N, C-alpha and C. Protein backbone atom coordinates (compact mmCIF):
# COMPACT_ATOMS: atom_id res chain seq x y z
N MET A 1 99.34 144.95 81.39
CA MET A 1 99.46 143.87 82.33
C MET A 1 99.53 144.45 83.75
N ILE A 2 98.79 143.87 84.66
CA ILE A 2 98.80 144.27 86.06
C ILE A 2 100.03 143.65 86.72
N LYS A 3 100.79 144.47 87.44
CA LYS A 3 101.95 143.97 88.18
C LYS A 3 101.77 144.31 89.65
N ASN A 4 101.72 143.29 90.47
CA ASN A 4 101.67 143.44 91.92
C ASN A 4 102.81 142.64 92.52
N GLY A 5 103.44 143.18 93.54
CA GLY A 5 104.49 142.43 94.22
C GLY A 5 105.77 143.22 94.34
N GLU A 6 106.84 142.50 94.67
CA GLU A 6 108.15 143.11 94.83
C GLU A 6 108.96 142.86 93.57
N PHE A 7 109.66 143.90 93.12
CA PHE A 7 110.44 143.84 91.90
C PHE A 7 111.80 144.46 92.15
N CYS A 8 112.74 144.16 91.25
CA CYS A 8 114.06 144.77 91.36
C CYS A 8 114.66 144.94 89.96
N VAL A 9 115.70 145.76 89.91
CA VAL A 9 116.48 145.92 88.69
C VAL A 9 117.81 145.22 88.94
N TYR A 10 118.12 144.28 88.06
CA TYR A 10 119.36 143.50 88.12
C TYR A 10 119.96 143.52 86.73
N ASN A 11 121.20 143.95 86.61
CA ASN A 11 121.86 144.07 85.30
C ASN A 11 121.04 144.86 84.30
N GLY A 12 120.34 145.88 84.78
CA GLY A 12 119.58 146.76 83.90
C GLY A 12 118.22 146.26 83.48
N ASN A 13 117.79 145.10 83.98
CA ASN A 13 116.48 144.53 83.63
C ASN A 13 115.63 144.36 84.88
N GLU A 14 114.31 144.43 84.70
CA GLU A 14 113.38 144.27 85.81
C GLU A 14 113.03 142.79 85.99
N TYR A 15 113.06 142.37 87.24
CA TYR A 15 112.70 141.00 87.62
C TYR A 15 111.77 141.04 88.82
N GLU A 16 110.94 140.02 88.95
CA GLU A 16 110.19 139.84 90.19
C GLU A 16 111.19 139.39 91.24
N LEU A 17 111.03 139.90 92.45
CA LEU A 17 111.95 139.59 93.54
C LEU A 17 111.23 138.76 94.58
N ASN A 18 111.87 137.69 95.01
CA ASN A 18 111.25 136.78 95.97
C ASN A 18 112.33 136.28 96.92
N GLU A 19 111.92 135.49 97.89
CA GLU A 19 112.84 134.90 98.85
C GLU A 19 112.48 133.44 99.03
N ASP A 20 113.49 132.55 99.06
CA ASP A 20 113.19 131.13 99.26
C ASP A 20 113.14 130.80 100.75
N ASN A 21 112.88 129.53 101.06
CA ASN A 21 112.74 129.10 102.46
C ASN A 21 114.03 129.25 103.27
N ASP A 22 115.17 129.33 102.58
CA ASP A 22 116.45 129.48 103.26
C ASP A 22 116.86 130.94 103.41
N GLY A 23 116.00 131.87 102.97
CA GLY A 23 116.30 133.29 103.09
C GLY A 23 117.10 133.87 101.93
N ASN A 24 117.31 133.08 100.88
CA ASN A 24 118.04 133.57 99.71
C ASN A 24 117.14 134.47 98.87
N LEU A 25 117.71 135.53 98.31
CA LEU A 25 116.98 136.38 97.37
C LEU A 25 116.98 135.71 96.01
N ILE A 26 115.80 135.68 95.40
CA ILE A 26 115.66 135.04 94.09
C ILE A 26 115.01 136.02 93.14
N ILE A 27 115.58 136.14 91.93
CA ILE A 27 114.93 136.92 90.89
C ILE A 27 114.26 135.96 89.93
N ILE A 28 113.10 136.38 89.40
CA ILE A 28 112.25 135.49 88.59
C ILE A 28 111.79 136.24 87.34
N THR A 29 111.78 135.52 86.21
CA THR A 29 111.25 136.10 84.98
C THR A 29 110.78 134.99 84.04
N THR A 30 109.89 135.35 83.14
CA THR A 30 109.49 134.46 82.04
C THR A 30 110.07 134.94 80.72
N ASN A 31 110.81 136.05 80.75
CA ASN A 31 111.38 136.65 79.55
C ASN A 31 112.73 136.01 79.25
N ARG A 32 112.78 135.13 78.27
CA ARG A 32 114.02 134.43 77.93
C ARG A 32 115.08 135.36 77.36
N GLU A 33 114.68 136.54 76.91
CA GLU A 33 115.63 137.47 76.29
C GLU A 33 116.53 138.16 77.31
N ILE A 34 116.19 138.10 78.59
CA ILE A 34 117.00 138.79 79.60
C ILE A 34 117.69 137.83 80.56
N ILE A 35 117.74 136.56 80.23
CA ILE A 35 118.42 135.59 81.10
C ILE A 35 119.71 135.13 80.45
N ASP A 36 120.56 134.51 81.28
CA ASP A 36 121.78 133.88 80.77
C ASP A 36 121.84 132.46 81.32
N ALA A 37 122.96 131.80 81.15
CA ALA A 37 123.10 130.39 81.55
C ALA A 37 123.04 130.18 83.06
N THR A 38 123.11 131.25 83.86
CA THR A 38 123.06 131.10 85.31
C THR A 38 121.64 131.00 85.85
N PHE A 39 120.64 131.22 85.01
CA PHE A 39 119.23 131.08 85.41
C PHE A 39 118.80 129.62 85.21
N VAL A 40 117.87 129.17 86.05
CA VAL A 40 117.36 127.81 85.93
C VAL A 40 115.85 127.82 85.78
N ASP A 41 115.34 126.85 85.05
CA ASP A 41 113.90 126.61 84.95
C ASP A 41 113.66 125.28 85.67
N GLU A 42 113.57 125.38 86.98
CA GLU A 42 113.55 124.19 87.84
C GLU A 42 112.42 123.22 87.52
N TYR A 43 111.26 123.73 87.13
CA TYR A 43 110.11 122.86 86.90
C TYR A 43 109.73 122.76 85.43
N ASN A 44 110.62 123.22 84.53
CA ASN A 44 110.37 123.18 83.09
C ASN A 44 109.03 123.85 82.75
N SER A 45 108.80 125.01 83.38
CA SER A 45 107.53 125.72 83.24
C SER A 45 107.65 127.03 82.48
N GLY A 46 108.87 127.39 82.08
CA GLY A 46 109.08 128.66 81.42
C GLY A 46 109.31 129.81 82.39
N VAL A 47 109.44 129.50 83.67
CA VAL A 47 109.74 130.49 84.70
C VAL A 47 111.20 130.28 85.11
N TYR A 48 112.02 131.30 84.90
CA TYR A 48 113.45 131.21 85.15
C TYR A 48 113.81 131.96 86.42
N SER A 49 114.68 131.38 87.23
CA SER A 49 115.05 132.00 88.49
C SER A 49 116.55 131.91 88.72
N LYS A 50 117.00 132.78 89.61
CA LYS A 50 118.42 132.83 89.96
C LYS A 50 118.56 133.40 91.35
N ILE A 51 119.41 132.80 92.16
CA ILE A 51 119.72 133.32 93.49
C ILE A 51 120.76 134.43 93.32
N ILE A 52 120.50 135.56 93.97
CA ILE A 52 121.43 136.69 93.91
C ILE A 52 121.70 137.20 95.32
N SER A 53 122.73 138.02 95.46
CA SER A 53 123.01 138.65 96.75
C SER A 53 122.43 140.06 96.74
N PRO A 54 122.14 140.60 97.91
CA PRO A 54 121.53 141.94 97.98
C PRO A 54 122.35 143.03 97.28
N ASN A 55 123.68 142.93 97.30
CA ASN A 55 124.49 143.97 96.68
C ASN A 55 124.47 143.93 95.15
N GLU A 56 123.88 142.90 94.56
CA GLU A 56 123.74 142.82 93.11
C GLU A 56 122.51 143.58 92.59
N ILE A 57 121.62 143.95 93.51
CA ILE A 57 120.39 144.64 93.12
C ILE A 57 120.69 146.12 92.92
N GLN A 58 120.29 146.65 91.77
CA GLN A 58 120.49 148.06 91.48
C GLN A 58 119.39 148.92 92.10
N GLU A 59 118.18 148.37 92.14
CA GLU A 59 117.03 149.09 92.69
C GLU A 59 115.98 148.05 93.08
N ALA A 60 115.27 148.27 94.18
CA ALA A 60 114.20 147.38 94.60
C ALA A 60 112.97 148.22 94.94
N TYR A 61 111.78 147.70 94.62
CA TYR A 61 110.55 148.44 94.87
C TYR A 61 109.37 147.49 94.89
N GLU A 62 108.26 147.99 95.40
CA GLU A 62 107.03 147.23 95.48
C GLU A 62 105.97 147.93 94.63
N ARG A 63 105.19 147.15 93.91
CA ARG A 63 104.09 147.69 93.10
C ARG A 63 102.78 147.12 93.60
N ARG A 64 101.80 147.99 93.73
CA ARG A 64 100.45 147.57 94.09
C ARG A 64 99.48 148.34 93.21
N ALA A 65 98.78 147.64 92.34
CA ALA A 65 97.79 148.28 91.49
C ALA A 65 96.49 148.44 92.27
N TYR A 66 95.88 149.60 92.13
CA TYR A 66 94.60 149.81 92.79
C TYR A 66 93.73 150.72 91.94
N GLY A 67 92.45 150.68 92.22
CA GLY A 67 91.49 151.55 91.55
C GLY A 67 90.56 152.15 92.57
N VAL A 68 89.69 153.03 92.12
CA VAL A 68 88.71 153.66 93.00
C VAL A 68 87.33 153.40 92.43
N ILE A 69 86.49 152.77 93.24
CA ILE A 69 85.11 152.49 92.87
C ILE A 69 84.21 153.10 93.92
N LYS A 70 83.34 154.02 93.51
CA LYS A 70 82.43 154.71 94.43
C LYS A 70 83.17 155.24 95.65
N ASP A 71 84.24 155.96 95.41
CA ASP A 71 85.05 156.60 96.45
C ASP A 71 85.76 155.62 97.39
N SER A 72 85.81 154.34 97.04
CA SER A 72 86.52 153.36 97.85
C SER A 72 87.72 152.84 97.07
N ARG A 73 88.84 152.73 97.73
CA ARG A 73 90.05 152.20 97.10
C ARG A 73 89.97 150.68 97.09
N VAL A 74 90.24 150.06 95.94
CA VAL A 74 90.21 148.60 95.81
C VAL A 74 91.50 148.12 95.16
N ASN A 75 91.95 146.94 95.56
CA ASN A 75 93.11 146.32 94.93
C ASN A 75 92.70 145.76 93.58
N VAL A 76 93.57 145.88 92.60
CA VAL A 76 93.37 145.25 91.30
C VAL A 76 94.35 144.08 91.27
N GLU A 77 93.83 142.88 91.31
CA GLU A 77 94.68 141.70 91.45
C GLU A 77 95.13 141.14 90.10
N LYS A 78 94.23 141.02 89.15
CA LYS A 78 94.60 140.51 87.84
C LYS A 78 93.55 140.94 86.83
N GLU A 79 93.81 140.69 85.58
CA GLU A 79 92.91 141.11 84.52
C GLU A 79 92.82 140.02 83.46
N ASN A 80 91.76 140.07 82.71
CA ASN A 80 91.68 139.26 81.49
C ASN A 80 91.15 140.18 80.40
N GLU A 81 90.74 139.64 79.28
CA GLU A 81 90.33 140.48 78.16
C GLU A 81 89.06 141.27 78.41
N GLU A 82 88.23 140.83 79.36
CA GLU A 82 86.93 141.45 79.55
C GLU A 82 86.80 142.27 80.83
N TYR A 83 87.53 141.92 81.89
CA TYR A 83 87.33 142.62 83.15
C TYR A 83 88.54 142.46 84.07
N TYR A 84 88.52 143.26 85.16
CA TYR A 84 89.55 143.21 86.20
C TYR A 84 88.99 142.51 87.43
N PHE A 85 89.84 141.82 88.18
CA PHE A 85 89.45 141.23 89.44
C PHE A 85 89.90 142.18 90.55
N VAL A 86 88.96 142.62 91.38
CA VAL A 86 89.28 143.61 92.41
C VAL A 86 88.87 143.11 93.79
N GLY A 87 89.47 143.70 94.82
CA GLY A 87 89.12 143.41 96.20
C GLY A 87 89.33 144.65 97.03
N THR A 88 88.85 144.65 98.23
CA THR A 88 88.98 145.83 99.07
C THR A 88 90.43 145.99 99.51
N ALA A 89 90.85 147.24 99.64
CA ALA A 89 92.21 147.55 100.07
C ALA A 89 92.21 147.93 101.53
N ASP A 90 93.27 147.55 102.21
CA ASP A 90 93.41 147.91 103.63
C ASP A 90 94.64 148.76 103.80
């Protein structure tokens, strides 16, 4: 699976890290095995989120998948069973 974006480790598990319109840090996952009752599925979509404070984060990092085609670096945005979707990297 291609992972692009900001991620963090919270309570020993990896979550996608985001920020809401009010500046709150939000962790997001679709993995029901790593959530507890404090997570919400606001839109009943299987995506669980929780507002956390910065000091609760054990580690934060950014991932950007890329490839090289004809000596040019390209972003790898997503994949399916047959091919990858790529774009130019800046």
